[in-house]
Amino acid sequence: MLEYTKKPLTDNVFLGVICRQAMLEEVKAVLEAKGCKVQQEMTALTEKEHYTIEETFPGFHAGHSLLGARYREDVSQRQLAKLTGVSVQNISAMEHGRRTIGKEMAKRFAKALNTDWRLLLS
């Protein structure tokens, strides 16, 4: 139990899915086949079809992607610095959004972290 709420933990997870209308029944069938209860509440996106990462997650910057990729690969800032020739201070500044990640730097990080360099650009 959670000490501060005295409520039991739950295994239920609520998932929001955005898909094209034509795919809705297929997505619903896949979820139901996996034992999920599907409660359908459709909201049409009429203003725009696509939203940028900045619109979806205000305050997001490329440093978050760098930190996530580094965490996923279990690489410390010090290890990444040795792999890329970038100082630990610069890596920290990039992860905190105080410094931008350029295209060439993103390519160096991507090679070391086994990811696509475009994910590391803001």
N, C-alpha and C. Protein backbone atom coordinates (compact mmCIF):
# COMPACT_ATOMS: atom_id res chain seq x y z
N MET A 1 0.83 -1.19 0.00
CA MET A 1 0.00 0.00 0.00
C MET A 1 0.87 1.24 0.00
N LEU A 2 0.34 2.26 -0.61
CA LEU A 2 1.02 3.54 -0.57
C LEU A 2 0.82 4.14 0.81
N GLU A 3 1.89 4.43 1.49
CA GLU A 3 1.82 4.89 2.88
C GLU A 3 1.03 6.19 3.01
N TYR A 4 1.27 7.14 2.10
CA TYR A 4 0.63 8.45 2.27
C TYR A 4 -0.83 8.49 1.86
N THR A 5 -1.31 7.49 1.11
CA THR A 5 -2.72 7.49 0.73
C THR A 5 -3.50 6.33 1.35
N LYS A 6 -2.76 5.32 1.84
CA LYS A 6 -3.37 4.13 2.42
C LYS A 6 -4.30 3.43 1.43
N LYS A 7 -3.96 3.52 0.14
CA LYS A 7 -4.74 2.85 -0.89
C LYS A 7 -3.89 1.74 -1.50
N PRO A 8 -4.51 0.63 -1.85
CA PRO A 8 -3.74 -0.45 -2.47
C PRO A 8 -3.28 -0.06 -3.87
N LEU A 9 -2.14 -0.60 -4.26
CA LEU A 9 -1.65 -0.37 -5.62
C LEU A 9 -2.53 -1.12 -6.61
N THR A 10 -2.55 -0.69 -7.84
CA THR A 10 -3.34 -1.34 -8.87
C THR A 10 -2.46 -1.69 -10.06
N ASP A 11 -2.84 -2.70 -10.78
CA ASP A 11 -2.12 -3.08 -11.99
C ASP A 11 -2.74 -2.45 -13.22
N ASN A 12 -3.83 -1.73 -13.05
CA ASN A 12 -4.51 -1.12 -14.20
C ASN A 12 -3.73 0.08 -14.72
N VAL A 13 -3.66 0.17 -16.02
CA VAL A 13 -3.00 1.28 -16.68
C VAL A 13 -3.97 1.83 -17.70
N PHE A 14 -4.09 3.14 -17.75
CA PHE A 14 -4.95 3.77 -18.73
C PHE A 14 -4.08 4.25 -19.88
N LEU A 15 -4.46 3.90 -21.09
CA LEU A 15 -3.66 4.17 -22.27
C LEU A 15 -4.48 4.97 -23.27
N GLY A 16 -3.93 6.05 -23.74
CA GLY A 16 -4.57 6.83 -24.79
C GLY A 16 -3.90 6.51 -26.11
N VAL A 17 -4.68 6.31 -27.14
CA VAL A 17 -4.16 5.96 -28.45
C VAL A 17 -4.70 6.94 -29.48
N ILE A 18 -3.81 7.45 -30.29
CA ILE A 18 -4.22 8.30 -31.41
C ILE A 18 -3.95 7.53 -32.68
N CYS A 19 -4.99 7.32 -33.46
CA CYS A 19 -4.82 6.61 -34.72
C CYS A 19 -5.84 7.13 -35.73
N ARG A 20 -5.66 6.74 -36.95
CA ARG A 20 -6.61 7.13 -38.00
C ARG A 20 -7.91 6.36 -37.79
N GLN A 21 -9.00 6.96 -38.21
CA GLN A 21 -10.33 6.36 -38.06
C GLN A 21 -10.37 4.96 -38.68
N ALA A 22 -9.72 4.79 -39.83
CA ALA A 22 -9.74 3.51 -40.54
C ALA A 22 -9.06 2.39 -39.73
N MET A 23 -8.16 2.75 -38.84
CA MET A 23 -7.43 1.75 -38.07
C MET A 23 -8.07 1.47 -36.71
N LEU A 24 -9.07 2.21 -36.34
CA LEU A 24 -9.62 2.13 -35.00
C LEU A 24 -10.08 0.72 -34.63
N GLU A 25 -10.82 0.07 -35.50
CA GLU A 25 -11.33 -1.27 -35.18
C GLU A 25 -10.20 -2.28 -35.06
N GLU A 26 -9.16 -2.14 -35.89
CA GLU A 26 -8.02 -3.05 -35.81
C GLU A 26 -7.26 -2.88 -34.49
N VAL A 27 -7.04 -1.63 -34.09
CA VAL A 27 -6.37 -1.35 -32.82
C VAL A 27 -7.20 -1.90 -31.66
N LYS A 28 -8.49 -1.66 -31.70
CA LYS A 28 -9.39 -2.15 -30.65
C LYS A 28 -9.34 -3.68 -30.57
N ALA A 29 -9.34 -4.37 -31.71
CA ALA A 29 -9.30 -5.84 -31.74
C ALA A 29 -8.00 -6.37 -31.15
N VAL A 30 -6.89 -5.73 -31.45
CA VAL A 30 -5.59 -6.17 -30.93
C VAL A 30 -5.57 -6.02 -29.41
N LEU A 31 -6.04 -4.90 -28.90
CA LEU A 31 -6.06 -4.67 -27.46
C LEU A 31 -6.97 -5.67 -26.75
N GLU A 32 -8.13 -5.91 -27.32
CA GLU A 32 -9.06 -6.86 -26.71
C GLU A 32 -8.51 -8.28 -26.76
N ALA A 33 -7.78 -8.63 -27.82
CA ALA A 33 -7.17 -9.96 -27.93
C ALA A 33 -6.12 -10.17 -26.84
N LYS A 34 -5.52 -9.09 -26.35
CA LYS A 34 -4.52 -9.16 -25.29
C LYS A 34 -5.16 -9.09 -23.91
N GLY A 35 -6.49 -9.07 -23.85
CA GLY A 35 -7.18 -9.06 -22.58
C GLY A 35 -7.46 -7.69 -22.00
N CYS A 36 -7.33 -6.66 -22.82
CA CYS A 36 -7.57 -5.30 -22.35
C CYS A 36 -9.05 -4.95 -22.48
N LYS A 37 -9.53 -4.17 -21.52
CA LYS A 37 -10.88 -3.64 -21.60
C LYS A 37 -10.78 -2.32 -22.36
N VAL A 38 -11.53 -2.21 -23.44
CA VAL A 38 -11.44 -1.02 -24.28
C VAL A 38 -12.66 -0.15 -24.03
N GLN A 39 -12.41 1.04 -23.56
CA GLN A 39 -13.47 2.03 -23.38
C GLN A 39 -13.21 3.10 -24.43
N GLN A 40 -14.09 3.19 -25.37
CA GLN A 40 -13.85 4.05 -26.53
C GLN A 40 -14.44 5.43 -26.32
N GLU A 41 -13.57 6.40 -26.27
CA GLU A 41 -13.96 7.80 -26.26
C GLU A 41 -13.19 8.48 -27.37
N MET A 42 -13.88 8.79 -28.44
CA MET A 42 -13.18 9.36 -29.58
C MET A 42 -13.27 10.87 -29.57
N THR A 43 -12.15 11.47 -29.83
CA THR A 43 -12.07 12.91 -29.98
C THR A 43 -11.36 13.19 -31.28
N ALA A 44 -11.99 13.90 -32.14
CA ALA A 44 -11.37 14.22 -33.44
C ALA A 44 -10.41 15.37 -33.28
N LEU A 45 -9.24 15.24 -33.86
CA LEU A 45 -8.27 16.32 -33.88
C LEU A 45 -8.56 17.17 -35.11
N THR A 46 -9.23 18.27 -34.89
CA THR A 46 -9.65 19.07 -36.03
C THR A 46 -8.75 20.27 -36.29
N GLU A 47 -8.12 20.79 -35.26
CA GLU A 47 -7.29 21.97 -35.45
C GLU A 47 -6.09 21.66 -36.33
N LYS A 48 -5.34 20.63 -35.99
CA LYS A 48 -4.17 20.22 -36.75
C LYS A 48 -4.05 18.71 -36.67
N GLU A 49 -3.41 18.16 -37.66
CA GLU A 49 -3.22 16.72 -37.66
C GLU A 49 -1.98 16.30 -36.87
N HIS A 50 -0.97 17.15 -36.85
CA HIS A 50 0.28 16.79 -36.20
C HIS A 50 0.68 17.87 -35.21
N TYR A 51 1.28 17.45 -34.13
CA TYR A 51 1.76 18.36 -33.11
C TYR A 51 3.25 18.14 -32.91
N THR A 52 3.98 19.19 -32.68
CA THR A 52 5.41 19.06 -32.44
C THR A 52 5.64 18.55 -31.03
N ILE A 53 6.85 18.08 -30.79
CA ILE A 53 7.20 17.61 -29.45
C ILE A 53 7.09 18.75 -28.44
N GLU A 54 7.43 19.96 -28.87
CA GLU A 54 7.35 21.11 -27.97
C GLU A 54 5.91 21.44 -27.59
N GLU A 55 4.98 21.26 -28.54
CA GLU A 55 3.56 21.49 -28.24
C GLU A 55 3.01 20.42 -27.31
N THR A 56 3.46 19.19 -27.52
CA THR A 56 2.97 18.07 -26.72
C THR A 56 3.57 18.06 -25.33
N PHE A 57 4.87 18.35 -25.24
CA PHE A 57 5.58 18.34 -23.97
C PHE A 57 6.29 19.68 -23.77
N PRO A 58 5.59 20.68 -23.26
CA PRO A 58 6.24 21.98 -23.04
C PRO A 58 7.45 21.81 -22.13
N GLY A 59 8.52 22.50 -22.46
CA GLY A 59 9.73 22.40 -21.66
C GLY A 59 10.67 21.30 -22.11
N PHE A 60 10.25 20.50 -23.09
CA PHE A 60 11.10 19.44 -23.60
C PHE A 60 12.23 20.03 -24.43
N HIS A 61 13.44 19.46 -24.31
CA HIS A 61 14.55 19.87 -25.15
C HIS A 61 15.37 18.63 -25.49
N ALA A 62 16.27 18.79 -26.45
CA ALA A 62 17.05 17.65 -26.96
C ALA A 62 17.86 16.98 -25.86
N GLY A 63 18.23 17.72 -24.83
CA GLY A 63 18.98 17.14 -23.72
C GLY A 63 18.24 16.00 -23.04
N HIS A 64 16.91 16.08 -23.02
CA HIS A 64 16.13 14.99 -22.44
C HIS A 64 16.33 13.71 -23.25
N SER A 65 16.39 13.85 -24.58
CA SER A 65 16.62 12.68 -25.43
C SER A 65 18.02 12.11 -25.21
N LEU A 66 18.98 12.99 -25.07
CA LEU A 66 20.36 12.55 -24.81
C LEU A 66 20.43 11.80 -23.47
N LEU A 67 19.83 12.36 -22.45
CA LEU A 67 19.81 11.72 -21.14
C LEU A 67 19.11 10.36 -21.21
N GLY A 68 17.99 10.30 -21.92
CA GLY A 68 17.24 9.04 -22.05
C GLY A 68 18.04 7.98 -22.78
N ALA A 69 18.71 8.37 -23.87
CA ALA A 69 19.53 7.41 -24.63
C ALA A 69 20.70 6.93 -23.78
N ARG A 70 21.31 7.83 -23.04
CA ARG A 70 22.43 7.47 -22.18
C ARG A 70 21.96 6.51 -21.08
N TYR A 71 20.82 6.79 -20.51
CA TYR A 71 20.26 5.94 -19.45
C TYR A 71 19.93 4.55 -20.02
N ARG A 72 19.30 4.53 -21.22
CA ARG A 72 18.92 3.26 -21.85
C ARG A 72 20.14 2.37 -22.08
N GLU A 73 21.24 2.97 -22.50
CA GLU A 73 22.46 2.22 -22.79
C GLU A 73 23.33 2.01 -21.55
N ASP A 74 22.89 2.52 -20.42
CA ASP A 74 23.61 2.38 -19.15
C ASP A 74 25.03 2.94 -19.26
N VAL A 75 25.11 4.16 -19.79
CA VAL A 75 26.39 4.84 -19.98
C VAL A 75 26.40 6.08 -19.10
N SER A 76 27.44 6.25 -18.32
CA SER A 76 27.55 7.45 -17.48
C SER A 76 28.02 8.63 -18.33
N GLN A 77 27.90 9.83 -17.77
CA GLN A 77 28.40 11.01 -18.48
C GLN A 77 29.91 10.87 -18.71
N ARG A 78 30.60 10.37 -17.74
CA ARG A 78 32.06 10.19 -17.86
C ARG A 78 32.40 9.20 -18.98
N GLN A 79 31.66 8.09 -19.07
CA GLN A 79 31.89 7.12 -20.13
C GLN A 79 31.59 7.72 -21.50
N LEU A 80 30.48 8.47 -21.59
CA LEU A 80 30.12 9.10 -22.86
C LEU A 80 31.18 10.13 -23.25
N ALA A 81 31.71 10.83 -22.29
CA ALA A 81 32.76 11.80 -22.56
C ALA A 81 33.98 11.11 -23.17
N LYS A 82 34.37 9.97 -22.63
CA LYS A 82 35.52 9.23 -23.17
C LYS A 82 35.23 8.70 -24.57
N LEU A 83 34.00 8.25 -24.81
CA LEU A 83 33.64 7.70 -26.11
C LEU A 83 33.58 8.76 -27.21
N THR A 84 33.23 9.99 -26.84
CA THR A 84 32.98 11.03 -27.84
C THR A 84 34.01 12.16 -27.84
N GLY A 85 34.82 12.24 -26.80
CA GLY A 85 35.78 13.33 -26.73
C GLY A 85 35.17 14.66 -26.32
N VAL A 86 34.01 14.61 -25.70
CA VAL A 86 33.31 15.80 -25.22
C VAL A 86 33.44 15.84 -23.70
N SER A 87 33.64 17.02 -23.13
CA SER A 87 33.81 17.09 -21.68
C SER A 87 32.52 16.75 -20.94
N VAL A 88 32.70 16.24 -19.74
CA VAL A 88 31.55 15.91 -18.88
C VAL A 88 30.71 17.16 -18.63
N GLN A 89 31.36 18.31 -18.45
CA GLN A 89 30.65 19.56 -18.20
C GLN A 89 29.75 19.92 -19.40
N ASN A 90 30.26 19.73 -20.62
CA ASN A 90 29.44 20.03 -21.80
C ASN A 90 28.28 19.07 -21.94
N ILE A 91 28.51 17.80 -21.66
CA ILE A 91 27.42 16.82 -21.72
C ILE A 91 26.34 17.18 -20.71
N SER A 92 26.74 17.54 -19.50
CA SER A 92 25.79 17.94 -18.47
C SER A 92 25.00 19.17 -18.92
N ALA A 93 25.69 20.16 -19.48
CA ALA A 93 25.02 21.38 -19.95
C ALA A 93 24.02 21.06 -21.05
N MET A 94 24.36 20.13 -21.95
CA MET A 94 23.44 19.73 -23.02
C MET A 94 22.22 19.02 -22.45
N GLU A 95 22.43 18.12 -21.50
CA GLU A 95 21.32 17.38 -20.90
C GLU A 95 20.38 18.30 -20.13
N HIS A 96 20.90 19.39 -19.60
CA HIS A 96 20.06 20.33 -18.85
C HIS A 96 19.53 21.47 -19.71
N GLY A 97 19.80 21.44 -21.02
CA GLY A 97 19.27 22.44 -21.93
C GLY A 97 19.99 23.77 -21.91
N ARG A 98 21.14 23.82 -21.26
CA ARG A 98 21.91 25.07 -21.22
C ARG A 98 22.81 25.23 -22.44
N ARG A 99 22.93 24.15 -23.19
CA ARG A 99 23.76 24.16 -24.38
C ARG A 99 23.06 23.34 -25.46
N THR A 100 23.11 23.80 -26.71
CA THR A 100 22.45 23.06 -27.78
C THR A 100 23.33 21.92 -28.28
N ILE A 101 22.69 20.96 -28.90
CA ILE A 101 23.40 19.83 -29.51
C ILE A 101 23.36 20.03 -31.02
N GLY A 102 24.50 20.28 -31.62
CA GLY A 102 24.57 20.46 -33.06
C GLY A 102 24.50 19.14 -33.81
N LYS A 103 24.40 19.23 -35.12
CA LYS A 103 24.25 18.04 -35.97
C LYS A 103 25.45 17.09 -35.83
N GLU A 104 26.65 17.62 -35.92
CA GLU A 104 27.84 16.77 -35.82
C GLU A 104 27.97 16.15 -34.43
N MET A 105 27.67 16.93 -33.41
CA MET A 105 27.72 16.41 -32.04
C MET A 105 26.66 15.32 -31.85
N ALA A 106 25.46 15.54 -32.40
CA ALA A 106 24.40 14.54 -32.31
C ALA A 106 24.83 13.23 -32.97
N LYS A 107 25.55 13.33 -34.08
CA LYS A 107 26.03 12.13 -34.76
C LYS A 107 27.05 11.38 -33.91
N ARG A 108 27.91 12.11 -33.23
CA ARG A 108 28.90 11.47 -32.35
C ARG A 108 28.22 10.77 -31.19
N PHE A 109 27.26 11.46 -30.57
CA PHE A 109 26.53 10.85 -29.46
C PHE A 109 25.73 9.64 -29.93
N ALA A 110 25.09 9.76 -31.08
CA ALA A 110 24.25 8.68 -31.59
C ALA A 110 25.06 7.42 -31.85
N LYS A 111 26.25 7.59 -32.39
CA LYS A 111 27.11 6.44 -32.65
C LYS A 111 27.48 5.75 -31.33
N ALA A 112 27.81 6.54 -30.33
CA ALA A 112 28.20 5.99 -29.03
C ALA A 112 27.02 5.38 -28.28
N LEU A 113 25.81 5.90 -28.53
CA LEU A 113 24.63 5.45 -27.78
C LEU A 113 23.69 4.56 -28.59
N ASN A 114 24.13 4.17 -29.78
CA ASN A 114 23.35 3.25 -30.60
C ASN A 114 21.93 3.75 -30.86
N THR A 115 21.84 4.98 -31.37
CA THR A 115 20.53 5.57 -31.65
C THR A 115 20.61 6.42 -32.91
N ASP A 116 19.50 6.95 -33.35
CA ASP A 116 19.45 7.81 -34.52
C ASP A 116 19.82 9.23 -34.10
N TRP A 117 20.74 9.85 -34.81
CA TRP A 117 21.22 11.17 -34.44
C TRP A 117 20.11 12.23 -34.48
N ARG A 118 19.11 12.03 -35.33
CA ARG A 118 18.02 13.02 -35.45
C ARG A 118 17.19 13.12 -34.18
N LEU A 119 17.21 12.09 -33.37
CA LEU A 119 16.46 12.12 -32.10
C LEU A 119 17.14 13.03 -31.08
N LEU A 120 18.40 13.38 -31.32
CA LEU A 120 19.15 14.17 -30.36
C LEU A 120 19.17 15.65 -30.71
N LEU A 121 18.45 16.03 -31.75
CA LEU A 121 18.37 17.45 -32.12
C LEU A 121 17.07 18.04 -31.62
N SER A 122 17.11 19.31 -31.24
CA SER A 122 15.88 19.94 -30.75
C SER A 122 15.10 20.54 -31.90
